[in-house]
């Protein structure tokens, strides 16, 4: 659960990303994603921008992994630590550069972890405004091991950012079932329903916005009630 899932719908700008489009690529055994690259250094983009690494870069990767495993011998635990560090950079400092670097480290360590794809999905949406790719990566994350409790909530929030409230709704409803005491997906569900044009139901749902984190939503609640005229 995290602040990434907070939403202020009416001040979000949706812009077209500048990306290169290509084929599907296998990024882990049995796992394929669309190859998309961005005009940033390799380690700041998902999957190292799908670069064909030379011998020196491959050696650097091996040395990085060796150094990490000296501190945390278990690869999955080391990957989880990198994911935690990346998520902290993303949420607390909006530091998408550091976040992507840590998510790429986790990818090198354990590409089967859901958090790798979850993290890349957040970076794709927040830094590159590439909501289509973010959606793809969130869907991959849902199939991988050890998904976060916030996965459905974050995916639904991204779809709201992308202007796709109808698709966001079932994910947010699922998030509420998974984390019933968390206020954020309840807030975002009310937004999703309002944005689909059902004001009466949205006003009914806003009354149910209660739980952990309510104090952080005062401005969102005020804006919602103004827009919905509840």
C-alpha atoms as a PDB file:
ATOM      1  CA  UNK A   1       0.000   0.000   0.000  1.00  0.00           C
ATOM      2  CA  UNK A   2       1.425   3.367  -0.940  1.00  0.00           C
ATOM      3  CA  UNK A   3       0.847   6.986  -1.819  1.00  0.00           C
ATOM      4  CA  UNK A   4       1.305   6.250  -5.534  1.00  0.00           C
ATOM      5  CA  UNK A   5      -2.345   5.253  -5.558  1.00  0.00           C
ATOM      6  CA  UNK A   6      -3.608   8.715  -4.614  1.00  0.00           C
ATOM      7  CA  UNK A   7      -5.428  10.478  -7.431  1.00  0.00           C
ATOM      8  CA  UNK A   8      -6.149  14.044  -8.428  1.00  0.00           C
ATOM      9  CA  UNK A   9      -7.908  13.412 -11.711  1.00  0.00           C
ATOM     10  CA  UNK A  10      -8.549  16.930 -12.831  1.00  0.00           C
ATOM     11  CA  UNK A  11      -4.962  18.218 -12.818  1.00  0.00           C
ATOM     12  CA  UNK A  12      -3.348  15.269 -14.625  1.00  0.00           C
ATOM     13  CA  UNK A  13      -2.002  15.914 -18.092  1.00  0.00           C
ATOM     14  CA  UNK A  14      -1.980  12.986 -20.492  1.00  0.00           C
ATOM     15  CA  UNK A  15       0.683  13.303 -23.160  1.00  0.00           C
ATOM     16  CA  UNK A  16       1.848  10.918 -25.826  1.00  0.00           C
ATOM     17  CA  UNK A  17       5.148   9.216 -24.956  1.00  0.00           C
ATOM     18  CA  UNK A  18       8.156   9.314 -27.229  1.00  0.00           C
ATOM     19  CA  UNK A  19       9.013   5.654 -27.635  1.00  0.00           C
ATOM     20  CA  UNK A  20      10.363   3.204 -30.139  1.00  0.00           C
ATOM     21  CA  UNK A  21       8.017   0.351 -31.003  1.00  0.00           C
ATOM     22  CA  UNK A  22       9.086  -3.190 -31.793  1.00  0.00           C
ATOM     23  CA  UNK A  23       8.396  -6.862 -31.307  1.00  0.00           C
ATOM     24  CA  UNK A  24       7.764  -9.025 -28.276  1.00  0.00           C
ATOM     25  CA  UNK A  25      10.862  -9.973 -26.294  1.00  0.00           C
ATOM     26  CA  UNK A  26      11.355 -12.753 -23.749  1.00  0.00           C
ATOM     27  CA  UNK A  27      12.516 -11.103 -20.524  1.00  0.00           C
ATOM     28  CA  UNK A  28      12.360 -14.225 -18.338  1.00  0.00           C
ATOM     29  CA  UNK A  29      11.677 -17.880 -19.071  1.00  0.00           C
ATOM     30  CA  UNK A  30       8.131 -17.991 -20.450  1.00  0.00           C
ATOM     31  CA  UNK A  31       7.594 -14.248 -20.007  1.00  0.00           C
ATOM     32  CA  UNK A  32       7.400 -11.911 -23.005  1.00  0.00           C
ATOM     33  CA  UNK A  33       6.711  -8.183 -23.164  1.00  0.00           C
ATOM     34  CA  UNK A  34       6.626  -5.591 -25.904  1.00  0.00           C
ATOM     35  CA  UNK A  35      10.005  -4.056 -26.695  1.00  0.00           C
ATOM     36  CA  UNK A  36       9.778  -0.330 -26.014  1.00  0.00           C
ATOM     37  CA  UNK A  37      12.692   2.020 -25.574  1.00  0.00           C
ATOM     38  CA  UNK A  38      12.971   5.559 -24.246  1.00  0.00           C
ATOM     39  CA  UNK A  39      15.505   8.390 -24.748  1.00  0.00           C
ATOM     40  CA  UNK A  40      17.215   7.934 -21.372  1.00  0.00           C
ATOM     41  CA  UNK A  41      20.322   6.078 -20.134  1.00  0.00           C
ATOM     42  CA  UNK A  42      19.901   2.295 -20.287  1.00  0.00           C
ATOM     43  CA  UNK A  43      19.502   1.691 -16.558  1.00  0.00           C
ATOM     44  CA  UNK A  44      16.783   4.350 -16.252  1.00  0.00           C
ATOM     45  CA  UNK A  45      14.379   2.515 -18.560  1.00  0.00           C
ATOM     46  CA  UNK A  46      12.536  -0.780 -18.026  1.00  0.00           C
ATOM     47  CA  UNK A  47      14.642  -3.846 -18.866  1.00  0.00           C
ATOM     48  CA  UNK A  48      17.709  -1.665 -19.506  1.00  0.00           C
ATOM     49  CA  UNK A  49      16.002  -0.303 -22.648  1.00  0.00           C
ATOM     50  CA  UNK A  50      16.333  -3.790 -24.173  1.00  0.00           C
ATOM     51  CA  UNK A  51      19.937  -2.989 -25.071  1.00  0.00           C
ATOM     52  CA  UNK A  52      22.219  -5.614 -26.556  1.00  0.00           C
ATOM     53  CA  UNK A  53      24.921  -5.503 -23.913  1.00  0.00           C
ATOM     54  CA  UNK A  54      28.553  -5.836 -24.887  1.00  0.00           C
ATOM     55  CA  UNK A  55      31.080  -7.968 -22.996  1.00  0.00           C
ATOM     56  CA  UNK A  56      32.080  -5.125 -20.678  1.00  0.00           C
ATOM     57  CA  UNK A  57      28.455  -4.370 -19.749  1.00  0.00           C
ATOM     58  CA  UNK A  58      27.733  -8.043 -19.119  1.00  0.00           C
ATOM     59  CA  UNK A  59      30.801  -8.256 -16.891  1.00  0.00           C
ATOM     60  CA  UNK A  60      29.625  -5.183 -14.990  1.00  0.00           C
ATOM     61  CA  UNK A  61      26.250  -6.830 -14.428  1.00  0.00           C
ATOM     62  CA  UNK A  62      27.902  -9.979 -13.091  1.00  0.00           C
ATOM     63  CA  UNK A  63      30.077  -7.929 -10.754  1.00  0.00           C
ATOM     64  CA  UNK A  64      27.073  -5.953  -9.519  1.00  0.00           C
ATOM     65  CA  UNK A  65      25.184  -9.150  -8.751  1.00  0.00           C
ATOM     66  CA  UNK A  66      28.224 -10.649  -7.017  1.00  0.00           C
ATOM     67  CA  UNK A  67      28.613  -7.553  -4.843  1.00  0.00           C
ATOM     68  CA  UNK A  68      24.942  -7.603  -3.868  1.00  0.00           C
ATOM     69  CA  UNK A  69      24.980 -11.323  -3.101  1.00  0.00           C
ATOM     70  CA  UNK A  70      27.931 -10.856  -0.796  1.00  0.00           C
ATOM     71  CA  UNK A  71      25.642  -8.775   1.413  1.00  0.00           C
ATOM     72  CA  UNK A  72      22.412 -10.741   0.825  1.00  0.00           C
ATOM     73  CA  UNK A  73      23.204 -14.290  -0.360  1.00  0.00           C
ATOM     74  CA  UNK A  74      19.631 -15.177  -1.364  1.00  0.00           C
ATOM     75  CA  UNK A  75      18.792 -13.792  -4.842  1.00  0.00           C
ATOM     76  CA  UNK A  76      15.061 -13.370  -4.214  1.00  0.00           C
ATOM     77  CA  UNK A  77      15.659 -11.609  -0.895  1.00  0.00           C
ATOM     78  CA  UNK A  78      18.242  -9.357  -2.541  1.00  0.00           C
ATOM     79  CA  UNK A  79      15.775  -8.590  -5.328  1.00  0.00           C
ATOM     80  CA  UNK A  80      13.060  -7.759  -2.793  1.00  0.00           C
ATOM     81  CA  UNK A  81      15.463  -5.369  -1.051  1.00  0.00           C
ATOM     82  CA  UNK A  82      16.183  -3.634  -4.374  1.00  0.00           C
ATOM     83  CA  UNK A  83      12.450  -3.374  -5.076  1.00  0.00           C
ATOM     84  CA  UNK A  84      11.840  -1.884  -1.639  1.00  0.00           C
ATOM     85  CA  UNK A  85      14.579   0.696  -2.212  1.00  0.00           C
ATOM     86  CA  UNK A  86      13.225   1.561  -5.655  1.00  0.00           C
ATOM     87  CA  UNK A  87       9.669   1.907  -4.408  1.00  0.00           C
ATOM     88  CA  UNK A  88      10.834   4.168  -1.576  1.00  0.00           C
ATOM     89  CA  UNK A  89      12.678   6.404  -4.070  1.00  0.00           C
ATOM     90  CA  UNK A  90       9.601   6.497  -6.285  1.00  0.00           C
ATOM     91  CA  UNK A  91       7.099   7.321  -3.551  1.00  0.00           C
ATOM     92  CA  UNK A  92       9.010   9.524  -1.155  1.00  0.00           C
ATOM     93  CA  UNK A  93      11.102  11.565  -3.557  1.00  0.00           C
ATOM     94  CA  UNK A  94       9.418  11.100  -6.914  1.00  0.00           C
ATOM     95  CA  UNK A  95      12.906   9.994  -7.928  1.00  0.00           C
ATOM     96  CA  UNK A  96      12.025   7.965 -11.006  1.00  0.00           C
ATOM     97  CA  UNK A  97      15.670   7.706 -12.064  1.00  0.00           C
ATOM     98  CA  UNK A  98      16.809   5.945  -8.902  1.00  0.00           C
ATOM     99  CA  UNK A  99      13.633   3.868  -8.828  1.00  0.00           C
ATOM    100  CA  UNK A 100      14.226   2.507 -12.323  1.00  0.00           C
ATOM    101  CA  UNK A 101      17.854   1.670 -11.486  1.00  0.00           C
ATOM    102  CA  UNK A 102      16.777  -0.332  -8.443  1.00  0.00           C
ATOM    103  CA  UNK A 103      14.018  -2.097 -10.377  1.00  0.00           C
ATOM    104  CA  UNK A 104      16.573  -3.057 -13.030  1.00  0.00           C
ATOM    105  CA  UNK A 105      18.831  -4.443 -10.307  1.00  0.00           C
ATOM    106  CA  UNK A 106      15.923  -6.530  -9.047  1.00  0.00           C
ATOM    107  CA  UNK A 107      15.297  -7.700 -12.604  1.00  0.00           C
ATOM    108  CA  UNK A 108      18.889  -8.966 -12.860  1.00  0.00           C
ATOM    109  CA  UNK A 109      18.527 -10.795  -9.554  1.00  0.00           C
ATOM    110  CA  UNK A 110      15.095 -12.402  -9.949  1.00  0.00           C
ATOM    111  CA  UNK A 111      13.097 -11.668 -13.131  1.00  0.00           C
ATOM    112  CA  UNK A 112      10.221 -13.853 -11.911  1.00  0.00           C
ATOM    113  CA  UNK A 113       9.201 -11.421  -9.148  1.00  0.00           C
ATOM    114  CA  UNK A 114       5.944  -9.547  -9.674  1.00  0.00           C
ATOM    115  CA  UNK A 115       7.449  -6.413  -8.129  1.00  0.00           C
ATOM    116  CA  UNK A 116       9.878  -6.009 -11.040  1.00  0.00           C
ATOM    117  CA  UNK A 117       7.022  -5.569 -13.522  1.00  0.00           C
ATOM    118  CA  UNK A 118       4.944  -3.588 -11.031  1.00  0.00           C
ATOM    119  CA  UNK A 119       7.845  -1.173 -10.565  1.00  0.00           C
ATOM    120  CA  UNK A 120       8.512  -0.829 -14.288  1.00  0.00           C
ATOM    121  CA  UNK A 121       4.785  -0.213 -14.844  1.00  0.00           C
ATOM    122  CA  UNK A 122       4.839   2.677 -12.371  1.00  0.00           C
ATOM    123  CA  UNK A 123       7.916   4.191 -14.041  1.00  0.00           C
ATOM    124  CA  UNK A 124       6.397   3.821 -17.515  1.00  0.00           C
ATOM    125  CA  UNK A 125       3.296   5.704 -16.389  1.00  0.00           C
ATOM    126  CA  UNK A 126       4.837   8.355 -14.143  1.00  0.00           C
ATOM    127  CA  UNK A 127       8.005   9.266 -16.045  1.00  0.00           C
ATOM    128  CA  UNK A 128       7.187   8.416 -19.652  1.00  0.00           C
ATOM    129  CA  UNK A 129       3.386   8.820 -19.623  1.00  0.00           C
ATOM    130  CA  UNK A 130       3.266   5.522 -21.514  1.00  0.00           C
ATOM    131  CA  UNK A 131       0.004   4.239 -20.096  1.00  0.00           C
ATOM    132  CA  UNK A 132      -0.455   1.508 -22.686  1.00  0.00           C
ATOM    133  CA  UNK A 133       2.874  -0.079 -21.791  1.00  0.00           C
ATOM    134  CA  UNK A 134       2.205   0.423 -18.092  1.00  0.00           C
ATOM    135  CA  UNK A 135      -1.065  -1.483 -18.506  1.00  0.00           C
ATOM    136  CA  UNK A 136       0.777  -4.335 -20.218  1.00  0.00           C
ATOM    137  CA  UNK A 137       3.373  -4.534 -17.457  1.00  0.00           C
ATOM    138  CA  UNK A 138       0.784  -4.409 -14.669  1.00  0.00           C
ATOM    139  CA  UNK A 139      -0.975  -7.368 -16.312  1.00  0.00           C
ATOM    140  CA  UNK A 140       2.298  -9.275 -16.449  1.00  0.00           C
ATOM    141  CA  UNK A 141       2.931  -8.431 -12.782  1.00  0.00           C
ATOM    142  CA  UNK A 142      -0.387 -10.023 -11.842  1.00  0.00           C
ATOM    143  CA  UNK A 143       0.839 -13.369 -13.225  1.00  0.00           C
ATOM    144  CA  UNK A 144       4.248 -13.370 -11.546  1.00  0.00           C
ATOM    145  CA  UNK A 145       5.295 -14.554  -8.096  1.00  0.00           C
ATOM    146  CA  UNK A 146       4.735 -12.627  -4.857  1.00  0.00           C
ATOM    147  CA  UNK A 147       2.462  -9.801  -6.112  1.00  0.00           C
ATOM    148  CA  UNK A 148       2.077  -6.780  -3.842  1.00  0.00           C
ATOM    149  CA  UNK A 149      -1.193  -6.160  -2.016  1.00  0.00           C
ATOM    150  CA  UNK A 150      -1.274  -2.760  -3.761  1.00  0.00           C
ATOM    151  CA  UNK A 151      -1.040  -4.197  -7.292  1.00  0.00           C
ATOM    152  CA  UNK A 152      -4.712  -3.902  -8.260  1.00  0.00           C
ATOM    153  CA  UNK A 153      -5.011  -0.496  -6.613  1.00  0.00           C
ATOM    154  CA  UNK A 154      -1.975   0.864  -8.460  1.00  0.00           C
ATOM    155  CA  UNK A 155      -3.103  -0.630 -11.765  1.00  0.00           C
ATOM    156  CA  UNK A 156      -6.569   0.872 -11.358  1.00  0.00           C
ATOM    157  CA  UNK A 157      -5.145   4.258 -10.461  1.00  0.00           C
ATOM    158  CA  UNK A 158      -2.961   4.207 -13.591  1.00  0.00           C
ATOM    159  CA  UNK A 159      -6.007   3.490 -15.757  1.00  0.00           C
ATOM    160  CA  UNK A 160      -7.720   6.511 -14.216  1.00  0.00           C
ATOM    161  CA  UNK A 161      -4.679   8.598 -15.134  1.00  0.00           C
ATOM    162  CA  UNK A 162      -5.007   7.235 -18.675  1.00  0.00           C
ATOM    163  CA  UNK A 163      -8.647   8.286 -18.889  1.00  0.00           C
ATOM    164  CA  UNK A 164      -9.966   4.697 -18.791  1.00  0.00           C
ATOM    165  CA  UNK A 165     -12.323   4.671 -15.774  1.00  0.00           C
ATOM    166  CA  UNK A 166     -14.461   1.783 -17.044  1.00  0.00           C
ATOM    167  CA  UNK A 167     -11.402  -0.493 -17.024  1.00  0.00           C
ATOM    168  CA  UNK A 168     -10.191   0.915 -13.717  1.00  0.00           C
ATOM    169  CA  UNK A 169     -13.382   0.085 -11.854  1.00  0.00           C
ATOM    170  CA  UNK A 170     -13.086  -3.734 -11.562  1.00  0.00           C
ATOM    171  CA  UNK A 171      -9.447  -3.448 -10.486  1.00  0.00           C
ATOM    172  CA  UNK A 172     -10.339  -0.963  -7.766  1.00  0.00           C
ATOM    173  CA  UNK A 173     -13.229  -3.143  -6.615  1.00  0.00           C
ATOM    174  CA  UNK A 174     -10.763  -6.034  -6.372  1.00  0.00           C
ATOM    175  CA  UNK A 175      -8.321  -3.819  -4.449  1.00  0.00           C
ATOM    176  CA  UNK A 176     -11.005  -3.032  -1.882  1.00  0.00           C
ATOM    177  CA  UNK A 177     -11.596  -6.756  -1.330  1.00  0.00           C
ATOM    178  CA  UNK A 178      -7.864  -7.376  -0.907  1.00  0.00           C
ATOM    179  CA  UNK A 179      -7.266  -4.406   1.415  1.00  0.00           C
ATOM    180  CA  UNK A 180     -10.686  -3.492   2.876  1.00  0.00           C
ATOM    181  CA  UNK A 181      -9.249  -1.176   5.536  1.00  0.00           C
ATOM    182  CA  UNK A 182      -7.268   0.948   3.067  1.00  0.00           C
ATOM    183  CA  UNK A 183      -8.970   4.197   2.122  1.00  0.00           C
ATOM    184  CA  UNK A 184      -7.176   4.967  -1.160  1.00  0.00           C
ATOM    185  CA  UNK A 185      -8.787   2.424  -3.513  1.00  0.00           C
ATOM    186  CA  UNK A 186     -12.180   3.424  -2.097  1.00  0.00           C
ATOM    187  CA  UNK A 187     -11.455   7.035  -3.032  1.00  0.00           C
ATOM    188  CA  UNK A 188     -10.307   6.083  -6.508  1.00  0.00           C
ATOM    189  CA  UNK A 189     -13.317   3.830  -7.053  1.00  0.00           C
ATOM    190  CA  UNK A 190     -15.583   6.782  -6.329  1.00  0.00           C
ATOM    191  CA  UNK A 191     -13.623   8.790  -8.919  1.00  0.00           C
ATOM    192  CA  UNK A 192     -13.915   5.975 -11.468  1.00  0.00           C
ATOM    193  CA  UNK A 193     -17.677   5.759 -11.043  1.00  0.00           C
ATOM    194  CA  UNK A 194     -18.042   9.541 -11.243  1.00  0.00           C
ATOM    195  CA  UNK A 195     -15.974   9.659 -14.432  1.00  0.00           C
ATOM    196  CA  UNK A 196     -18.202   7.043 -16.053  1.00  0.00           C
ATOM    197  CA  UNK A 197     -21.135   9.410 -15.526  1.00  0.00           C
ATOM    198  CA  UNK A 198     -22.900   7.776 -12.579  1.00  0.00           C
ATOM    199  CA  UNK A 199     -23.034  10.667 -10.119  1.00  0.00           C
ATOM    200  CA  UNK A 200     -25.598   9.105  -7.769  1.00  0.00           C
ATOM    201  CA  UNK A 201     -23.583   5.936  -7.266  1.00  0.00           C
ATOM    202  CA  UNK A 202     -20.379   7.949  -6.916  1.00  0.00           C
ATOM    203  CA  UNK A 203     -21.946   9.999  -4.136  1.00  0.00           C
ATOM    204  CA  UNK A 204     -23.027   6.790  -2.433  1.00  0.00           C
ATOM    205  CA  UNK A 205     -19.497   5.413  -2.663  1.00  0.00           C
ATOM    206  CA  UNK A 206     -17.861   8.553  -1.315  1.00  0.00           C
ATOM    207  CA  UNK A 207     -19.646   7.985   1.997  1.00  0.00           C
ATOM    208  CA  UNK A 208     -17.764   4.665   2.239  1.00  0.00           C
ATOM    209  CA  UNK A 209     -14.369   6.320   1.911  1.00  0.00           C
ATOM    210  CA  UNK A 210     -13.076   5.390   5.350  1.00  0.00           C
ATOM    211  CA  UNK A 211     -10.051   3.565   6.670  1.00  0.00           C
ATOM    212  CA  UNK A 212      -6.309   3.816   6.952  1.00  0.00           C
ATOM    213  CA  UNK A 213      -4.918   6.978   5.373  1.00  0.00           C
ATOM    214  CA  UNK A 214      -8.092   9.040   5.508  1.00  0.00           C
ATOM    215  CA  UNK A 215      -6.237  12.096   6.812  1.00  0.00           C
ATOM    216  CA  UNK A 216      -4.201  12.236   3.578  1.00  0.00           C
ATOM    217  CA  UNK A 217      -7.328  12.525   1.423  1.00  0.00           C
ATOM    218  CA  UNK A 218      -8.915  15.708   2.726  1.00  0.00           C
ATOM    219  CA  UNK A 219      -8.190  17.714  -0.435  1.00  0.00           C
ATOM    220  CA  UNK A 220      -9.278  14.825  -2.663  1.00  0.00           C
ATOM    221  CA  UNK A 221     -12.556  14.496  -0.783  1.00  0.00           C
ATOM    222  CA  UNK A 222     -13.223  18.215  -1.041  1.00  0.00           C
ATOM    223  CA  UNK A 223     -12.481  18.225  -4.775  1.00  0.00           C
ATOM    224  CA  UNK A 224     -14.651  15.179  -5.342  1.00  0.00           C
ATOM    225  CA  UNK A 225     -17.637  16.638  -3.514  1.00  0.00           C
ATOM    226  CA  UNK A 226     -17.240  19.849  -5.506  1.00  0.00           C
ATOM    227  CA  UNK A 227     -17.168  18.013  -8.838  1.00  0.00           C
ATOM    228  CA  UNK A 228     -19.907  15.531  -7.962  1.00  0.00           C
ATOM    229  CA  UNK A 229     -22.050  18.062  -6.102  1.00  0.00           C
ATOM    230  CA  UNK A 230     -22.721  15.484  -3.375  1.00  0.00           C
END
